[in-house]
């Protein structure tokens, strides 16, 4: 994992055209704004990483973000995506493991929540592989890229888990 840079803009723009990324991770920002926002950790509300190919660090395999960091409650949310060409290779599973470790050891969080659409089986598998316990279903709780409200699963990890 590495920090986002503006040199990643073209790859982010390409990935954002993937139908699954556009459905589950839509963004209103341009790829340049998206990368700039994730590269700027100065307000303390998030930490975001590009998951890069270890042999070719300029190649973006995916994205991980720890966001809505609440320092009073010591909790936050986690989100991720994987570029289409790199799915089903453990990119998200390994990345989420590293980001979770960072959240508990460096940010000293108590709890991390991960939400995903019930229909997004891949995200559910990644959450479970990282011992994020399924806590429930939130009915029609989030409008995704298709403009429809979707039911979501909530998973969570505690520092003690």
N, C-alpha and C. Protein backbone atom coordinates (compact mmCIF):
# COMPACT_ATOMS: atom_id res chain seq x y z
N UNK A 1 0.85 -1.18 0.00
CA UNK A 1 0.00 0.00 0.00
C UNK A 1 0.89 1.23 0.00
N UNK A 2 0.42 2.24 -0.67
CA UNK A 2 1.17 3.50 -0.75
C UNK A 2 0.18 4.65 -0.80
N UNK A 3 0.69 5.85 -0.65
CA UNK A 3 -0.15 7.05 -0.74
C UNK A 3 -0.57 7.28 -2.19
N UNK A 4 -1.73 7.90 -2.34
CA UNK A 4 -2.20 8.29 -3.66
C UNK A 4 -1.40 9.49 -4.14
N UNK A 5 -1.21 9.59 -5.45
CA UNK A 5 -0.57 10.75 -6.05
C UNK A 5 -1.36 11.17 -7.29
N UNK A 6 -1.08 12.35 -7.77
CA UNK A 6 -1.76 12.81 -8.98
C UNK A 6 -1.34 12.01 -10.21
N UNK A 7 -0.23 11.28 -10.12
CA UNK A 7 0.15 10.42 -11.24
C UNK A 7 -0.79 9.22 -11.38
N UNK A 8 -1.67 9.01 -10.40
CA UNK A 8 -2.63 7.89 -10.45
C UNK A 8 -3.94 8.27 -11.15
N UNK A 9 -4.09 9.52 -11.54
CA UNK A 9 -5.36 10.02 -12.07
C UNK A 9 -5.86 9.20 -13.26
N UNK A 10 -5.01 8.91 -14.22
CA UNK A 10 -5.44 8.17 -15.41
C UNK A 10 -5.96 6.78 -15.05
N UNK A 11 -5.27 6.10 -14.15
CA UNK A 11 -5.72 4.76 -13.74
C UNK A 11 -7.05 4.82 -13.00
N UNK A 12 -7.23 5.82 -12.13
CA UNK A 12 -8.49 5.97 -11.41
C UNK A 12 -9.62 6.27 -12.39
N UNK A 13 -9.36 7.12 -13.38
CA UNK A 13 -10.38 7.42 -14.39
C UNK A 13 -10.77 6.16 -15.15
N UNK A 14 -9.79 5.33 -15.49
CA UNK A 14 -10.08 4.08 -16.20
C UNK A 14 -10.92 3.14 -15.34
N UNK A 15 -10.52 2.97 -14.09
CA UNK A 15 -11.22 2.06 -13.18
C UNK A 15 -12.65 2.56 -12.92
N UNK A 16 -12.83 3.85 -12.86
CA UNK A 16 -14.17 4.39 -12.55
C UNK A 16 -15.19 4.09 -13.64
N UNK A 17 -14.72 3.69 -14.81
CA UNK A 17 -15.62 3.31 -15.90
C UNK A 17 -16.06 1.85 -15.81
N UNK A 18 -15.46 1.07 -14.94
CA UNK A 18 -15.86 -0.33 -14.77
C UNK A 18 -17.27 -0.36 -14.19
N UNK A 19 -18.17 -1.20 -14.75
CA UNK A 19 -19.56 -1.22 -14.27
C UNK A 19 -19.71 -1.51 -12.78
N UNK A 20 -18.90 -2.41 -12.22
CA UNK A 20 -19.02 -2.71 -10.78
C UNK A 20 -18.51 -1.57 -9.92
N UNK A 21 -17.42 -0.94 -10.33
CA UNK A 21 -16.92 0.22 -9.58
C UNK A 21 -17.97 1.34 -9.64
N UNK A 22 -18.50 1.58 -10.84
CA UNK A 22 -19.51 2.64 -11.00
C UNK A 22 -20.77 2.35 -10.19
N UNK A 23 -21.11 1.08 -10.03
CA UNK A 23 -22.30 0.72 -9.26
C UNK A 23 -22.04 0.84 -7.76
N UNK A 24 -21.00 0.20 -7.26
CA UNK A 24 -20.79 0.11 -5.81
C UNK A 24 -19.96 1.24 -5.23
N UNK A 25 -19.19 1.94 -6.04
CA UNK A 25 -18.31 3.01 -5.54
C UNK A 25 -18.40 4.25 -6.41
N UNK A 26 -19.59 4.76 -6.67
CA UNK A 26 -19.70 5.93 -7.55
C UNK A 26 -19.08 7.16 -6.90
N UNK A 27 -18.59 8.04 -7.73
CA UNK A 27 -18.03 9.28 -7.22
C UNK A 27 -18.49 10.44 -8.10
N UNK A 28 -18.78 11.54 -7.48
CA UNK A 28 -19.16 12.73 -8.22
C UNK A 28 -17.93 13.54 -8.61
N UNK A 29 -16.80 13.25 -7.98
CA UNK A 29 -15.58 14.01 -8.22
C UNK A 29 -14.87 13.51 -9.48
N UNK A 30 -14.08 14.39 -10.07
CA UNK A 30 -13.21 13.95 -11.16
C UNK A 30 -12.13 13.06 -10.57
N UNK A 31 -11.47 12.30 -11.42
CA UNK A 31 -10.39 11.43 -10.94
C UNK A 31 -9.29 12.26 -10.28
N UNK A 32 -9.03 13.45 -10.81
CA UNK A 32 -8.00 14.31 -10.22
C UNK A 32 -8.41 14.77 -8.82
N UNK A 33 -9.66 15.20 -8.66
CA UNK A 33 -10.15 15.61 -7.33
C UNK A 33 -10.14 14.43 -6.37
N UNK A 34 -10.54 13.26 -6.87
CA UNK A 34 -10.60 12.05 -6.06
C UNK A 34 -9.21 11.71 -5.51
N UNK A 35 -8.20 11.70 -6.40
CA UNK A 35 -6.83 11.38 -5.97
C UNK A 35 -6.29 12.45 -5.01
N UNK A 36 -6.55 13.71 -5.31
CA UNK A 36 -6.07 14.79 -4.44
C UNK A 36 -6.67 14.68 -3.05
N UNK A 37 -7.94 14.39 -2.96
CA UNK A 37 -8.62 14.27 -1.66
C UNK A 37 -8.02 13.11 -0.85
N UNK A 38 -7.80 11.99 -1.50
CA UNK A 38 -7.27 10.83 -0.80
C UNK A 38 -5.80 10.99 -0.42
N UNK A 39 -5.09 11.82 -1.15
CA UNK A 39 -3.69 12.08 -0.83
C UNK A 39 -3.52 13.05 0.34
N UNK A 40 -4.56 13.81 0.63
CA UNK A 40 -4.49 14.84 1.68
C UNK A 40 -5.12 14.33 2.97
N UNK A 41 -4.30 13.93 3.90
CA UNK A 41 -4.76 13.41 5.19
C UNK A 41 -4.79 14.50 6.26
N UNK A 42 -4.60 15.74 5.90
CA UNK A 42 -4.35 16.81 6.87
C UNK A 42 -5.49 17.07 7.85
N UNK A 43 -6.74 16.77 7.48
CA UNK A 43 -7.83 17.07 8.42
C UNK A 43 -8.07 15.96 9.44
N UNK A 44 -7.36 14.85 9.31
CA UNK A 44 -7.46 13.78 10.30
C UNK A 44 -8.73 12.94 10.23
N UNK A 45 -9.54 13.14 9.19
CA UNK A 45 -10.80 12.39 9.11
C UNK A 45 -10.70 11.12 8.30
N UNK A 46 -9.59 10.91 7.61
CA UNK A 46 -9.44 9.70 6.81
C UNK A 46 -7.97 9.38 6.58
N UNK A 47 -7.74 8.15 6.19
CA UNK A 47 -6.45 7.67 5.71
C UNK A 47 -6.76 6.79 4.51
N UNK A 48 -6.15 7.10 3.38
CA UNK A 48 -6.47 6.39 2.15
C UNK A 48 -5.20 5.94 1.45
N UNK A 49 -5.27 4.75 0.86
CA UNK A 49 -4.10 4.18 0.20
C UNK A 49 -4.46 3.64 -1.17
N UNK A 50 -3.49 3.73 -2.06
CA UNK A 50 -3.53 2.97 -3.30
C UNK A 50 -2.91 1.62 -2.98
N UNK A 51 -3.57 0.56 -3.39
CA UNK A 51 -2.96 -0.76 -3.28
C UNK A 51 -2.19 -0.94 -4.58
N UNK A 52 -0.88 -1.03 -4.45
CA UNK A 52 -0.02 -1.05 -5.63
C UNK A 52 0.62 -2.41 -5.84
N UNK A 53 0.98 -2.67 -7.07
CA UNK A 53 1.69 -3.89 -7.43
C UNK A 53 3.10 -3.79 -6.82
N UNK A 54 3.51 -4.76 -6.00
CA UNK A 54 4.83 -4.66 -5.37
C UNK A 54 5.98 -4.65 -6.38
N UNK A 55 5.77 -5.27 -7.55
CA UNK A 55 6.82 -5.29 -8.58
C UNK A 55 6.78 -4.05 -9.47
N UNK A 56 5.61 -3.39 -9.53
CA UNK A 56 5.43 -2.19 -10.33
C UNK A 56 4.62 -1.19 -9.50
N UNK A 57 5.26 -0.50 -8.55
CA UNK A 57 4.53 0.37 -7.62
C UNK A 57 3.66 1.45 -8.25
N UNK A 58 3.89 1.78 -9.50
CA UNK A 58 3.04 2.79 -10.15
C UNK A 58 1.71 2.19 -10.59
N UNK A 59 1.58 0.87 -10.60
CA UNK A 59 0.35 0.22 -11.04
C UNK A 59 -0.61 0.07 -9.87
N UNK A 60 -1.79 0.66 -10.01
CA UNK A 60 -2.82 0.62 -8.98
C UNK A 60 -3.66 -0.64 -9.14
N UNK A 61 -3.69 -1.46 -8.08
CA UNK A 61 -4.51 -2.67 -8.07
C UNK A 61 -5.86 -2.41 -7.43
N UNK A 62 -5.88 -1.46 -6.49
CA UNK A 62 -7.11 -1.18 -5.77
C UNK A 62 -6.97 0.02 -4.86
N UNK A 63 -7.98 0.19 -4.02
CA UNK A 63 -8.05 1.35 -3.12
C UNK A 63 -8.59 0.91 -1.76
N UNK A 64 -8.05 1.50 -0.72
CA UNK A 64 -8.57 1.31 0.64
C UNK A 64 -8.67 2.66 1.31
N UNK A 65 -9.76 2.86 2.01
CA UNK A 65 -9.94 4.11 2.75
C UNK A 65 -10.52 3.84 4.13
N UNK A 66 -9.87 4.41 5.11
CA UNK A 66 -10.38 4.47 6.48
C UNK A 66 -10.95 5.87 6.59
N UNK A 67 -12.26 6.02 6.80
CA UNK A 67 -12.87 7.34 6.73
C UNK A 67 -13.89 7.53 7.85
N UNK A 68 -14.39 8.75 7.94
CA UNK A 68 -15.27 9.13 9.05
C UNK A 68 -14.63 8.78 10.39
N UNK A 69 -13.35 9.06 10.49
CA UNK A 69 -12.63 8.79 11.74
C UNK A 69 -13.17 9.71 12.82
N UNK A 70 -13.64 9.12 13.90
CA UNK A 70 -14.18 9.87 15.04
C UNK A 70 -13.23 9.64 16.21
N UNK A 71 -12.41 10.65 16.50
CA UNK A 71 -11.40 10.50 17.55
C UNK A 71 -12.00 10.43 18.95
N UNK A 72 -13.19 10.99 19.16
CA UNK A 72 -13.83 10.89 20.46
C UNK A 72 -14.33 9.47 20.71
N UNK A 73 -15.00 8.90 19.72
CA UNK A 73 -15.54 7.54 19.86
C UNK A 73 -14.52 6.45 19.53
N UNK A 74 -13.39 6.85 18.91
CA UNK A 74 -12.34 5.92 18.49
C UNK A 74 -12.88 4.90 17.49
N UNK A 75 -13.70 5.38 16.55
CA UNK A 75 -14.21 4.48 15.52
C UNK A 75 -14.11 5.13 14.15
N UNK A 76 -14.36 4.33 13.11
CA UNK A 76 -14.30 4.79 11.73
C UNK A 76 -14.96 3.76 10.84
N UNK A 77 -15.05 4.11 9.56
CA UNK A 77 -15.55 3.19 8.55
C UNK A 77 -14.42 2.84 7.61
N UNK A 78 -14.57 1.70 6.93
CA UNK A 78 -13.57 1.24 5.97
C UNK A 78 -14.27 0.96 4.65
N UNK A 79 -13.61 1.30 3.57
CA UNK A 79 -14.13 0.99 2.24
C UNK A 79 -13.00 0.60 1.32
N UNK A 80 -13.34 -0.09 0.24
CA UNK A 80 -12.31 -0.54 -0.69
C UNK A 80 -12.91 -0.85 -2.05
N UNK A 81 -12.05 -0.90 -3.05
CA UNK A 81 -12.39 -1.43 -4.36
C UNK A 81 -11.14 -2.04 -4.97
N UNK A 82 -11.35 -2.90 -5.95
CA UNK A 82 -10.24 -3.54 -6.67
C UNK A 82 -10.47 -3.35 -8.16
N UNK A 83 -9.42 -2.99 -8.86
CA UNK A 83 -9.49 -2.82 -10.31
C UNK A 83 -9.89 -4.15 -10.95
N UNK A 84 -10.69 -4.11 -12.01
CA UNK A 84 -11.21 -5.35 -12.61
C UNK A 84 -10.16 -6.40 -12.92
N UNK A 85 -9.03 -6.01 -13.45
CA UNK A 85 -8.00 -6.98 -13.85
C UNK A 85 -7.34 -7.68 -12.67
N UNK A 86 -7.59 -7.19 -11.46
CA UNK A 86 -6.88 -7.73 -10.29
C UNK A 86 -7.82 -8.37 -9.27
N UNK A 87 -9.07 -8.53 -9.63
CA UNK A 87 -10.04 -9.14 -8.71
C UNK A 87 -9.77 -10.63 -8.57
N UNK A 88 -10.22 -11.16 -7.42
CA UNK A 88 -10.12 -12.59 -7.10
C UNK A 88 -8.67 -13.07 -6.98
N UNK A 89 -7.80 -12.17 -6.56
CA UNK A 89 -6.38 -12.50 -6.35
C UNK A 89 -5.93 -12.19 -4.92
N UNK A 90 -6.87 -11.85 -4.05
CA UNK A 90 -6.54 -11.56 -2.66
C UNK A 90 -6.11 -10.12 -2.41
N UNK A 91 -6.22 -9.26 -3.42
CA UNK A 91 -5.80 -7.85 -3.27
C UNK A 91 -6.58 -7.18 -2.14
N UNK A 92 -7.90 -7.29 -2.17
CA UNK A 92 -8.72 -6.63 -1.15
C UNK A 92 -8.53 -7.27 0.21
N UNK A 93 -8.42 -8.58 0.25
CA UNK A 93 -8.26 -9.28 1.53
C UNK A 93 -6.96 -8.85 2.22
N UNK A 94 -5.87 -8.86 1.48
CA UNK A 94 -4.58 -8.46 2.06
C UNK A 94 -4.57 -6.97 2.40
N UNK A 95 -5.13 -6.15 1.51
CA UNK A 95 -5.17 -4.72 1.77
C UNK A 95 -5.99 -4.37 3.00
N UNK A 96 -7.17 -5.00 3.13
CA UNK A 96 -8.01 -4.73 4.29
C UNK A 96 -7.32 -5.17 5.57
N UNK A 97 -6.61 -6.26 5.53
CA UNK A 97 -5.86 -6.72 6.71
C UNK A 97 -4.83 -5.67 7.12
N UNK A 98 -4.08 -5.14 6.16
CA UNK A 98 -3.06 -4.13 6.47
C UNK A 98 -3.69 -2.83 6.98
N UNK A 99 -4.78 -2.39 6.33
CA UNK A 99 -5.43 -1.15 6.76
C UNK A 99 -6.06 -1.30 8.14
N UNK A 100 -6.59 -2.47 8.44
CA UNK A 100 -7.17 -2.73 9.75
C UNK A 100 -6.10 -2.68 10.83
N UNK A 101 -4.96 -3.27 10.55
CA UNK A 101 -3.84 -3.23 11.49
C UNK A 101 -3.42 -1.78 11.73
N UNK A 102 -3.31 -1.00 10.67
CA UNK A 102 -2.97 0.41 10.80
C UNK A 102 -3.99 1.14 11.68
N UNK A 103 -5.27 0.89 11.42
CA UNK A 103 -6.34 1.57 12.17
C UNK A 103 -6.27 1.28 13.67
N UNK A 104 -5.99 0.05 14.01
CA UNK A 104 -5.93 -0.30 15.43
C UNK A 104 -4.61 0.09 16.08
N UNK A 105 -3.50 -0.09 15.38
CA UNK A 105 -2.19 0.15 15.99
C UNK A 105 -1.72 1.60 15.89
N UNK A 106 -1.99 2.27 14.78
CA UNK A 106 -1.49 3.64 14.59
C UNK A 106 -2.54 4.67 15.00
N UNK A 107 -3.77 4.52 14.48
CA UNK A 107 -4.83 5.47 14.80
C UNK A 107 -5.43 5.17 16.17
N UNK A 108 -5.19 3.97 16.66
CA UNK A 108 -5.66 3.51 17.97
C UNK A 108 -7.18 3.52 18.09
N UNK A 109 -7.83 3.01 17.02
CA UNK A 109 -9.28 2.91 17.05
C UNK A 109 -9.74 1.76 17.93
N UNK A 110 -10.97 1.85 18.34
CA UNK A 110 -11.63 0.79 19.11
C UNK A 110 -12.50 -0.08 18.20
N UNK A 111 -13.08 0.54 17.15
CA UNK A 111 -14.06 -0.15 16.31
C UNK A 111 -13.99 0.36 14.87
N UNK A 112 -14.13 -0.56 13.91
CA UNK A 112 -14.20 -0.21 12.49
C UNK A 112 -15.43 -0.87 11.91
N UNK A 113 -16.21 -0.10 11.17
CA UNK A 113 -17.41 -0.61 10.51
C UNK A 113 -17.19 -0.62 9.00
N UNK A 114 -17.68 -1.66 8.37
CA UNK A 114 -17.60 -1.79 6.93
C UNK A 114 -19.01 -2.07 6.41
N UNK A 115 -19.50 -1.21 5.54
CA UNK A 115 -20.83 -1.39 4.93
C UNK A 115 -20.64 -1.79 3.47
N UNK A 116 -21.53 -2.63 2.98
CA UNK A 116 -21.56 -2.95 1.55
C UNK A 116 -22.97 -3.37 1.17
N UNK A 117 -23.30 -3.22 -0.09
CA UNK A 117 -24.61 -3.66 -0.56
C UNK A 117 -24.73 -5.17 -0.37
N UNK A 118 -25.89 -5.62 0.05
CA UNK A 118 -26.12 -7.06 0.24
C UNK A 118 -25.80 -7.81 -1.04
N UNK A 119 -26.08 -7.22 -2.19
CA UNK A 119 -25.82 -7.87 -3.48
C UNK A 119 -24.34 -7.95 -3.84
N UNK A 120 -23.48 -7.29 -3.09
CA UNK A 120 -22.05 -7.27 -3.38
C UNK A 120 -21.36 -8.41 -2.62
N UNK A 121 -21.46 -9.61 -3.18
CA UNK A 121 -20.93 -10.81 -2.51
C UNK A 121 -19.42 -10.76 -2.33
N UNK A 122 -18.70 -10.13 -3.25
CA UNK A 122 -17.25 -10.04 -3.13
C UNK A 122 -16.82 -9.26 -1.90
N UNK A 123 -17.48 -8.13 -1.65
CA UNK A 123 -17.14 -7.34 -0.46
C UNK A 123 -17.48 -8.08 0.82
N UNK A 124 -18.58 -8.84 0.78
CA UNK A 124 -18.96 -9.63 1.95
C UNK A 124 -17.88 -10.67 2.26
N UNK A 125 -17.39 -11.33 1.22
CA UNK A 125 -16.34 -12.35 1.40
C UNK A 125 -15.06 -11.75 1.96
N UNK A 126 -14.69 -10.56 1.49
CA UNK A 126 -13.49 -9.90 1.99
C UNK A 126 -13.66 -9.51 3.46
N UNK A 127 -14.82 -8.99 3.81
CA UNK A 127 -15.07 -8.63 5.21
C UNK A 127 -14.97 -9.86 6.11
N UNK A 128 -15.60 -10.94 5.70
CA UNK A 128 -15.56 -12.17 6.51
C UNK A 128 -14.16 -12.75 6.61
N UNK A 129 -13.41 -12.69 5.52
CA UNK A 129 -12.03 -13.20 5.52
C UNK A 129 -11.14 -12.43 6.49
N UNK A 130 -11.53 -11.21 6.81
CA UNK A 130 -10.77 -10.38 7.75
C UNK A 130 -11.43 -10.31 9.12
N UNK A 131 -12.31 -11.25 9.40
CA UNK A 131 -12.96 -11.36 10.71
C UNK A 131 -13.78 -10.15 11.09
N UNK A 132 -14.37 -9.49 10.09
CA UNK A 132 -15.35 -8.45 10.35
C UNK A 132 -16.69 -9.17 10.53
N UNK A 133 -17.22 -9.12 11.73
CA UNK A 133 -18.45 -9.84 12.05
C UNK A 133 -19.65 -9.17 11.37
N UNK A 134 -20.52 -9.98 10.80
CA UNK A 134 -21.75 -9.47 10.23
C UNK A 134 -22.65 -9.05 11.39
N UNK A 135 -23.05 -7.78 11.42
CA UNK A 135 -23.86 -7.27 12.51
C UNK A 135 -25.32 -7.07 12.13
N UNK A 136 -25.60 -6.96 10.84
CA UNK A 136 -27.00 -6.80 10.48
C UNK A 136 -27.20 -6.33 9.07
N UNK A 137 -28.48 -6.20 8.73
CA UNK A 137 -28.90 -5.70 7.43
C UNK A 137 -29.61 -4.37 7.64
N UNK A 138 -29.22 -3.39 6.90
CA UNK A 138 -29.84 -2.07 6.93
C UNK A 138 -30.70 -1.96 5.68
N UNK A 139 -31.99 -1.92 5.88
CA UNK A 139 -32.92 -1.95 4.76
C UNK A 139 -32.88 -0.66 3.95
N UNK A 140 -32.68 -0.83 2.65
CA UNK A 140 -32.68 0.29 1.69
C UNK A 140 -31.96 1.52 2.26
N UNK A 141 -30.74 1.31 2.70
CA UNK A 141 -30.04 2.34 3.46
C UNK A 141 -29.10 3.22 2.64
N UNK A 142 -28.79 2.81 1.42
CA UNK A 142 -27.83 3.61 0.66
C UNK A 142 -28.19 3.58 -0.82
N UNK A 143 -28.11 4.74 -1.45
CA UNK A 143 -28.35 4.83 -2.89
C UNK A 143 -27.01 4.69 -3.60
N UNK A 144 -26.92 3.67 -4.41
CA UNK A 144 -25.67 3.38 -5.13
C UNK A 144 -25.71 3.98 -6.52
N UNK A 145 -24.73 3.64 -7.33
CA UNK A 145 -24.54 4.24 -8.64
C UNK A 145 -25.68 4.03 -9.62
N UNK A 146 -26.54 3.06 -9.36
CA UNK A 146 -27.69 2.84 -10.24
C UNK A 146 -28.87 3.73 -9.86
N UNK A 147 -28.70 4.56 -8.83
CA UNK A 147 -29.75 5.47 -8.40
C UNK A 147 -30.80 4.83 -7.50
N UNK A 148 -30.68 3.52 -7.25
CA UNK A 148 -31.66 2.81 -6.41
C UNK A 148 -31.12 2.69 -4.99
N UNK A 149 -32.07 2.59 -4.06
CA UNK A 149 -31.71 2.33 -2.66
C UNK A 149 -31.47 0.83 -2.53
N UNK A 150 -30.38 0.46 -1.86
CA UNK A 150 -30.02 -0.95 -1.67
C UNK A 150 -29.96 -1.27 -0.19
N UNK A 151 -30.30 -2.51 0.13
CA UNK A 151 -30.05 -3.02 1.48
C UNK A 151 -28.54 -3.17 1.63
N UNK A 152 -28.07 -2.94 2.85
CA UNK A 152 -26.64 -3.07 3.11
C UNK A 152 -26.39 -4.00 4.30
N UNK A 153 -25.29 -4.71 4.22
CA UNK A 153 -24.76 -5.42 5.38
C UNK A 153 -23.87 -4.46 6.15
N UNK A 154 -23.85 -4.59 7.44
CA UNK A 154 -22.82 -3.92 8.23
C UNK A 154 -22.00 -5.01 8.91
N UNK A 155 -20.69 -4.87 8.78
CA UNK A 155 -19.72 -5.75 9.43
C UNK A 155 -18.89 -4.86 10.35
N UNK A 156 -18.35 -5.42 11.40
CA UNK A 156 -17.48 -4.62 12.27
C UNK A 156 -16.38 -5.48 12.87
N UNK A 157 -15.27 -4.80 13.15
CA UNK A 157 -14.15 -5.39 13.90
C UNK A 157 -13.91 -4.50 15.10
N UNK A 158 -13.64 -5.15 16.22
CA UNK A 158 -13.22 -4.45 17.43
C UNK A 158 -11.74 -4.69 17.63
N UNK A 159 -11.10 -3.77 18.31
CA UNK A 159 -9.69 -3.94 18.61
C UNK A 159 -9.43 -5.29 19.29
N UNK A 160 -10.38 -5.71 20.12
CA UNK A 160 -10.22 -6.95 20.90
C UNK A 160 -10.39 -8.22 20.06
N UNK A 161 -10.97 -8.09 18.88
CA UNK A 161 -11.25 -9.28 18.05
C UNK A 161 -9.98 -9.95 17.57
